[in-house]
Protein backbone atom coordinates (compact mmCIF):
# COMPACT_ATOMS: atom_id res chain seq x y z
CA MET A 1 -0.03 0.13 0.10
CA LYS A 2 1.27 3.47 -0.91
CA PRO A 3 2.07 6.07 1.75
CA LYS A 4 -0.75 8.30 0.30
CA SER A 5 -3.39 5.55 0.67
CA LYS A 6 -2.30 4.72 4.35
CA GLY A 7 -2.71 8.45 5.28
CA ARG A 8 -6.12 8.79 3.60
CA THR A 9 -7.25 5.59 5.41
CA TRP A 10 -6.34 7.10 8.77
CA ILE A 11 -8.01 10.52 8.16
CA TRP A 12 -11.40 8.37 7.17
CA LEU A 13 -10.95 6.55 10.23
CA ILE A 14 -10.64 9.65 12.47
CA VAL A 15 -13.43 11.40 10.62
CA LEU A 16 -15.72 8.37 11.46
CA LEU A 17 -14.38 8.25 15.08
CA ILE A 18 -15.43 11.97 15.46
CA LEU A 19 -18.77 11.33 13.92
CA PHE A 20 -19.50 8.33 16.13
CA LEU A 21 -18.53 10.27 19.23
CA THR A 22 -20.81 13.33 18.28
CA ILE A 23 -23.87 11.15 17.47
CA SER A 24 -23.21 9.29 20.58
CA TYR A 25 -23.08 12.67 22.65
CA PHE A 26 -26.27 14.05 21.40
CA SER A 27 -28.13 10.73 21.51
CA PHE A 28 -27.32 9.75 24.91
CA SER A 29 -26.42 12.89 26.94
CA SER A 30 -30.02 14.32 27.12
CA LYS A 31 -31.05 14.57 30.61
CA PRO A 32 -34.45 12.83 31.79
CA ARG A 33 -37.29 15.20 31.77
CA VAL A 34 -38.24 16.66 35.17
CA TYR A 35 -41.97 16.63 35.99
CA PRO A 36 -43.82 18.52 38.67
CA ASN A 37 -45.32 16.51 41.61
CA PHE A 38 -48.81 15.29 40.99
CA VAL A 39 -49.11 16.20 37.41
CA SER A 40 -51.60 13.88 35.46
CA ASP A 41 -48.98 13.14 32.54
CA SER A 42 -46.08 12.46 34.83
CA PRO A 43 -44.79 8.88 34.76
CA SER A 44 -42.61 9.37 37.67
CA PRO A 45 -43.34 8.11 41.22
CA SER A 46 -44.69 11.46 42.18
CA GLY A 47 -47.15 11.91 39.17
CA VAL A 48 -50.81 10.73 38.72
CA LYS A 49 -50.58 9.53 35.25
CA ALA A 50 -51.38 5.83 36.36
CA PHE A 51 -54.94 6.99 37.88
CA TYR A 52 -55.45 9.36 34.94
CA THR A 53 -55.02 6.66 32.36
CA TYR A 54 -57.02 4.12 34.44
CA LEU A 55 -60.00 6.48 34.81
CA LYS A 56 -59.77 7.41 30.89
CA LYS A 57 -60.53 3.80 30.01
CA GLU A 58 -63.76 3.90 31.90
CA LYS A 59 -64.85 7.59 31.61
CA GLU A 60 -64.89 10.94 30.00
CA VAL A 61 -61.81 12.38 31.18
CA MET A 62 -59.73 15.36 30.05
CA ARG A 63 -56.96 17.68 31.30
CA TRP A 64 -58.04 21.21 32.17
CA LYS A 65 -55.08 23.76 31.72
CA HIS A 66 -57.02 27.10 31.41
CA SER A 67 -57.84 29.51 34.19
CA PRO A 68 -60.87 28.82 36.26
CA GLU A 69 -62.96 31.59 34.47
CA MET A 70 -62.95 29.27 31.57
CA LEU A 71 -64.49 26.39 33.24
CA PRO A 72 -67.64 25.12 31.53
CA LYS A 73 -70.21 26.29 33.77
CA GLY A 74 -73.15 25.48 31.25
CA LYS A 75 -72.93 21.82 31.96
CA LYS A 76 -73.59 19.76 35.14
CA ASN A 77 -72.32 16.74 36.83
CA GLN A 78 -68.81 17.39 36.11
CA LEU A 79 -65.95 16.54 38.47
CA LEU A 80 -62.87 18.81 38.79
CA VAL A 81 -60.07 17.07 40.27
CA MET A 82 -57.30 19.41 42.08
CA VAL A 83 -54.55 17.47 43.53
CA GLU A 84 -52.12 19.25 45.69
CA PRO A 85 -52.11 22.72 44.03
CA SER A 86 -48.76 24.34 43.89
CA PHE A 87 -50.03 27.82 44.70
CA TYR A 88 -53.11 29.44 46.34
CA PRO A 89 -55.24 30.81 43.61
CA GLU A 90 -56.42 34.53 43.87
CA LYS A 91 -59.69 35.70 45.19
CA ASP A 92 -61.07 36.07 41.56
CA ALA A 93 -59.92 32.64 40.72
CA MET A 94 -61.44 31.15 43.88
CA LYS A 95 -64.85 32.95 43.05
CA ASP A 96 -64.75 31.29 39.53
CA TYR A 97 -64.35 27.92 41.25
CA VAL A 98 -67.19 28.51 43.48
CA ASN A 99 -69.34 29.64 40.58
CA PHE A 100 -68.40 26.43 38.59
CA MET A 101 -69.83 24.22 41.71
CA LYS A 102 -72.91 26.36 42.28
CA SER A 103 -73.77 25.71 38.58
CA GLY A 104 -74.23 21.83 39.59
CA ASN A 105 -70.65 20.72 39.38
CA THR A 106 -68.24 19.21 42.06
CA ILE A 107 -64.69 19.89 42.97
CA LEU A 108 -62.56 17.05 44.55
CA LEU A 109 -59.62 18.60 46.20
CA LEU A 110 -57.00 16.40 47.56
CA GLN A 111 -54.29 18.44 49.59
CA THR A 112 -52.01 17.88 52.53
CA ASN A 113 -53.25 20.91 54.24
CA PRO A 114 -56.22 22.53 52.54
CA LYS A 115 -56.41 25.51 54.96
CA GLY A 116 -57.16 28.54 53.06
CA MET A 117 -58.86 26.85 50.09
CA PHE A 118 -62.64 27.25 49.89
CA ASP A 119 -62.90 28.13 53.72
CA VAL A 120 -61.95 24.95 54.70
CA ASN A 121 -60.50 24.49 58.50
CA THR A 122 -58.07 22.27 59.62
CA GLU A 123 -56.53 21.26 62.77
CA PHE A 124 -53.14 19.56 63.83
CA ILE A 125 -53.05 16.10 65.57
CA GLU A 126 -50.28 14.81 67.80
CA GLN A 127 -51.04 11.15 67.69
CA LYS A 128 -49.60 8.90 65.30
CA SER A 129 -51.97 8.14 62.03
CA SER A 130 -53.94 4.80 62.07
CA PRO A 131 -53.73 2.75 59.03
CA ASN A 132 -57.36 1.99 59.43
CA VAL A 133 -59.95 4.40 57.49
CA TYR A 134 -63.89 4.13 57.80
CA ASP A 135 -66.20 5.30 55.23
CA GLN A 136 -69.91 6.29 56.27
CA SER A 137 -71.12 2.76 56.48
CA HIS A 138 -68.18 2.02 58.92
CA ALA A 139 -66.38 -0.46 56.32
CA MET A 140 -62.88 -0.56 57.11
CA TYR A 141 -60.11 0.13 54.42
CA ARG A 142 -56.26 -0.04 54.94
CA ALA A 143 -54.63 3.35 53.99
CA GLU A 144 -51.57 5.27 54.49
CA ILE A 145 -52.02 8.89 55.52
CA SER A 146 -49.06 11.08 55.94
CA SER A 147 -50.63 14.27 56.68
CA PRO A 148 -50.66 15.49 60.52
CA ILE A 149 -53.54 17.65 59.52
CA ARG A 150 -57.30 16.78 59.97
CA LEU A 151 -60.25 18.41 58.64
CA GLN A 152 -62.69 20.37 60.87
CA THR A 153 -66.29 19.87 59.74
CA MET A 154 -69.15 22.17 59.97
CA LYS A 155 -72.86 21.24 60.72
CA GLU A 156 -73.78 21.13 57.31
CA ASP A 157 -70.91 19.10 56.09
CA GLU A 158 -70.98 15.25 55.26
CA GLU A 159 -68.01 13.14 56.74
CA LEU A 160 -67.05 10.72 54.09
CA LEU A 161 -63.85 9.06 55.46
CA SER A 162 -62.66 9.06 58.96
CA SER A 163 -59.61 7.80 61.13
CA LEU A 164 -59.32 7.63 64.83
CA ASN A 165 -62.58 9.74 64.95
CA GLU A 166 -60.98 12.42 62.75
CA THR A 167 -62.26 13.52 59.55
CA VAL A 168 -60.04 12.40 56.56
CA ALA A 169 -62.40 13.59 53.73
CA LEU A 170 -65.71 15.70 53.70
CA LYS A 171 -68.53 16.91 51.28
CA ARG A 172 -69.75 20.33 51.37
CA SER A 173 -72.65 21.73 49.34
CA TYR A 174 -72.21 24.92 46.95
CA GLY A 175 -75.59 25.86 45.51
CA GLU A 176 -76.28 22.77 43.17
CA GLY A 177 -72.94 21.29 43.30
CA HIS A 178 -70.46 20.19 46.08
CA LEU A 179 -67.04 20.35 47.21
CA ILE A 180 -64.95 17.21 48.31
CA VAL A 181 -61.97 17.73 50.28
CA ALA A 182 -59.59 14.97 51.40
CA ILE A 183 -56.07 15.32 52.79
CA THR A 184 -54.37 12.44 50.89
CA PRO A 185 -53.24 13.51 47.82
CA GLU A 186 -50.38 10.69 47.99
CA TRP A 187 -53.19 8.05 47.30
CA LEU A 188 -53.17 9.03 43.49
CA THR A 189 -49.50 8.83 42.97
CA ASN A 190 -48.07 6.42 40.76
CA GLU A 191 -46.08 4.56 43.69
CA ASN A 192 -48.71 4.65 46.10
CA LEU A 193 -52.01 3.90 43.99
CA LEU A 194 -52.05 0.11 44.08
CA LYS A 195 -50.74 -0.11 47.88
CA ASP A 196 -53.32 -1.06 50.41
CA ASP A 197 -56.87 0.18 49.57
CA HIS A 198 -56.05 3.21 47.95
CA LEU A 199 -57.64 2.88 44.68
CA PRO A 200 -60.94 1.70 46.29
CA LEU A 201 -60.93 4.67 48.62
CA LEU A 202 -60.34 7.03 45.36
CA ILE A 203 -63.22 5.49 43.60
CA TYR A 204 -65.40 5.83 46.65
CA LEU A 205 -64.79 9.44 46.56
CA LEU A 206 -65.42 9.84 43.03
CA ASN A 207 -68.66 8.02 43.31
CA LYS A 208 -69.78 10.44 45.92
CA SER A 209 -69.58 13.11 43.01
CA HIS A 210 -72.26 11.38 40.75
CA ALA A 211 -70.16 12.88 38.08
CA GLN A 212 -70.40 11.85 34.17
CA SER A 213 -67.40 13.72 32.97
CA PHE A 214 -63.92 14.63 34.78
CA LEU A 215 -61.54 17.15 34.49
CA PHE A 216 -57.82 17.08 36.09
CA ASP A 217 -57.02 20.70 36.65
CA GLU A 218 -53.37 21.08 35.78
CA TYR A 219 -53.74 25.10 35.84
CA ILE A 220 -52.91 24.94 39.64
CA HIS A 221 -49.58 23.18 38.93
CA GLY A 222 -48.45 25.87 36.33
CA GLY A 223 -45.53 28.02 37.68
CA GLU A 224 -46.35 30.75 35.03
CA ASN A 225 -49.94 30.96 36.90
CA THR A 226 -48.50 31.89 40.41
CA SER A 227 -48.73 35.28 41.77
CA THR A 228 -46.25 37.90 40.66
CA ILE A 229 -45.17 41.23 41.78
CA TRP A 230 -47.62 42.72 39.17
CA THR A 231 -50.85 40.82 40.73
CA VAL A 232 -49.74 41.01 44.45
CA TYR A 233 -49.37 44.69 44.82
CA PRO A 234 -51.91 47.24 43.46
CA MET A 235 -51.30 49.07 40.17
CA TRP A 236 -51.07 52.74 42.22
CA PHE A 237 -48.40 51.32 44.33
CA LEU A 238 -46.21 49.93 41.54
CA LEU A 239 -46.72 53.28 39.48
CA PHE A 240 -45.58 55.21 42.79
CA VAL A 241 -42.33 52.88 42.91
CA ILE A 242 -41.55 53.47 39.51
CA GLN A 243 -41.88 57.11 39.47
CA GLY A 244 -39.91 57.19 42.75
CA ILE A 245 -37.14 55.26 40.94
CA LEU A 246 -37.10 57.55 37.91
CA GLY A 247 -37.00 60.73 40.36
CA MET A 248 -34.25 59.34 42.18
CA VAL A 249 -31.98 58.77 39.00
CA LEU A 250 -33.01 62.43 37.54
CA TRP A 251 -32.05 63.97 41.08
CA LEU A 252 -28.69 62.17 40.98
CA TRP A 253 -28.09 63.18 37.39
CA PHE A 254 -28.78 66.87 38.23
CA GLN A 255 -26.53 66.47 41.21
CA GLY A 256 -23.51 65.63 38.92
CA LYS A 257 -23.18 62.04 39.68
CA ARG A 258 -21.41 60.00 37.41
CA PHE A 259 -22.78 56.91 35.60
CA GLY A 260 -20.67 54.41 33.79
CA PRO A 261 -16.90 53.90 33.29
CA ILE A 262 -14.34 56.63 33.70
CA PHE A 263 -12.20 57.06 30.61
CA ILE A 264 -8.66 58.31 31.04
CA PRO A 265 -7.43 60.68 28.23
CA ARG A 266 -4.87 58.76 25.96
CA GLU A 267 -2.19 61.66 26.19
CA GLU A 268 -2.15 61.18 30.00
CA SER A 269 -1.77 57.47 29.76
CA VAL A 270 1.06 57.70 27.19
CA ARG A 271 2.69 60.29 29.18
CA PHE A 272 2.99 58.52 32.50
CA SER A 273 2.88 54.90 31.07
CA ASP A 274 5.77 52.57 30.18
CA GLU A 275 5.52 53.70 26.50
CA GLY A 276 8.04 56.61 27.18
CA ILE A 277 10.31 54.45 29.21
CA GLN A 278 10.30 51.71 26.40
CA ALA A 279 10.88 54.55 23.65
CA ILE A 280 13.93 56.03 25.54
CA ALA A 281 15.25 52.37 26.03
CA ALA A 282 14.66 51.74 22.26
CA TRP A 283 16.64 55.12 21.36
CA TYR A 284 19.54 54.02 23.52
CA LEU A 285 19.77 50.55 21.92
CA ARG A 286 19.88 51.99 18.48
CA GLY A 287 22.26 54.59 19.12
CA LYS A 288 24.39 52.00 20.88
CA ARG A 289 24.73 54.44 23.81
CA TYR A 290 25.15 51.58 26.23
CA HIS A 291 27.69 53.71 28.67
CA ASP A 292 25.00 56.32 29.02
CA SER A 293 22.38 53.93 29.76
CA LEU A 294 24.41 52.25 32.37
CA LEU A 295 25.39 55.57 34.15
CA ILE A 296 21.72 56.28 34.42
CA GLN A 297 20.73 52.95 35.96
CA ALA A 298 23.54 53.34 38.41
CA ASP A 299 22.71 56.83 39.33
CA TYR A 300 18.97 55.36 39.92
CA VAL A 301 20.26 52.77 42.09
CA LYS A 302 22.26 55.24 44.27
CA LEU A 303 18.93 57.13 44.74
CA LEU A 304 17.51 54.00 45.96
CA LEU A 305 20.52 53.26 48.21
CA GLN A 306 19.98 56.70 50.13
CA GLU A 307 16.04 56.23 50.29
CA HIS A 308 16.05 52.61 51.52
CA TRP A 309 19.48 52.03 53.10
CA GLN A 310 20.42 55.58 54.13
CA ILE A 311 23.62 55.74 52.32
CA PRO A 312 24.38 59.33 51.17
CA TYR A 313 24.10 59.88 47.37
CA SER A 314 27.46 61.98 47.45
CA ARG A 315 29.38 58.79 48.24
CA GLU A 316 31.41 57.37 45.50
CA TRP A 317 30.80 53.66 44.53
CA GLN A 318 34.24 52.59 45.81
CA ASP A 319 33.46 53.97 49.22
CA LEU A 320 30.40 51.80 49.70
CA SER A 321 32.16 48.61 50.76
CA SER A 322 31.50 48.93 54.42
CA TYR A 323 27.88 49.90 53.93
CA PHE A 324 27.18 47.05 51.53
CA GLU A 325 29.01 44.66 54.27
CA LYS A 326 26.37 45.60 56.98
CA ARG A 327 23.33 45.62 54.45
CA TRP A 328 23.92 43.14 51.79
CA THR A 329 24.19 40.28 54.11
CA ASN A 330 23.77 37.42 51.62
CA MET A 331 26.58 38.59 49.41
CA PRO A 332 30.26 37.63 50.67
CA THR A 333 32.73 40.27 51.43
CA HIS A 334 35.19 39.49 48.51
CA GLU A 335 32.05 39.50 46.14
CA ILE A 336 30.81 42.80 47.16
CA LYS A 337 34.51 44.34 46.70
CA SER A 338 34.82 42.68 43.30
CA PHE A 339 31.30 44.00 42.34
CA LEU A 340 32.09 47.55 43.37
CA SER A 341 35.57 47.72 41.64
CA GLY A 342 34.08 46.34 38.35
CA LEU A 343 31.21 48.71 38.33
CA VAL A 344 33.49 51.89 38.88
CA ASN A 345 35.78 50.46 35.95
CA MET A 346 32.55 50.25 33.56
CA LEU A 347 31.41 53.64 34.73
CA GLU A 348 35.04 55.39 34.10
CA LYS A 349 35.17 53.91 30.45
CA GLU A 350 33.97 55.81 27.61
CA LYS A 351 32.53 53.22 25.63
CA ILE A 352 31.46 49.82 26.50
CA SER A 353 30.05 46.72 24.43
CA LYS A 354 26.58 45.40 24.44
CA GLN A 355 27.68 42.29 26.30
CA GLU A 356 29.56 44.19 29.15
CA TYR A 357 26.24 46.47 29.11
CA LEU A 358 23.86 43.64 29.60
CA PHE A 359 26.10 41.93 32.13
CA TRP A 360 26.38 44.71 34.52
CA SER A 361 22.82 46.21 33.85
CA ARG A 362 21.77 42.59 35.43
CA LYS A 363 23.94 43.20 38.29
CA LEU A 364 22.76 46.57 38.93
CA GLU A 365 19.17 45.23 38.58
CA HIS A 366 19.88 42.37 40.98
CA LEU A 367 21.20 45.15 43.62
CA ARG A 368 18.07 47.18 42.94
CA LYS A 369 15.63 44.23 44.03
CA GLU A 370 17.78 43.63 46.86
CA VAL A 371 17.57 47.43 48.17
CA GLU A 372 13.78 47.52 47.54
CA ALA A 373 13.36 44.15 49.20
């Protein structure tokens, strides 16, 4: 096989490998869909899809995702199933739910603590819940009740389910319709539906509605339907806040406050930045003025010696040996004398080579760092 054909073979293999990895990534890296709890289309353990599917085989069932004001109030004998609402509807929405019941329909509310919904009152119990649940005919069922809340009944209420003489589910009249409340939404979940007698109990509650068609309320599970700042506060208050913010901004503006970045003029940054130093250094290098540059560098180090080590600037380099021996502790005495004598010789020359300049410039730089340390 020729070398070119071998190279093409390897290229095609690499391309196929990249394609395989790309397809594998997009095919298998997608995360599983996350469903809210108690949603009728959720196959997760916390969903109620199993009960919805079971009921749809026997009755006329559909999901309701619209606001309660659009509920079909012209029909009767409808049951709206509300399972553990994720938020408390506003007053206008609650009125629409009530009007839906008054027109001859029923709402089945299953909520762990329904206090605040439809004027339902609850109480907290301290004793452990019993696995025995009784209906109106005192028939016993086995069920799991996780809620520490029990319902408080009124004179006109009808107790449907009880446990340890505490109300678990009740029925209340609203005009021509009814409200059925139970504190056991967990019975409907996919993981608990077939446990104990949960399914017979749910069917018992449904039969108490005498409904012909069923609606599963999904409007109460939508995060977009929850109360926002625009619905919680009155519009006059929001307008007052917005006007106050605009007034504050205008007041700060008239006071001369700056907003945004501060731009430094270019001539100032050029004058006081390293550009000038770099230009001077380039001029010295092009003109081969190595000796002049070394003199300036040595003079600058002398100023630092006076500032940091209190060595008089007027002292000559050859007279600094005693000072260096006291302050430059990590340098041996003979090296200090050699450094000073060599530096004096370089400074007294008229011209020096580039190699000599670089050598002594590094030594002076080392001394500068030592002084400033």
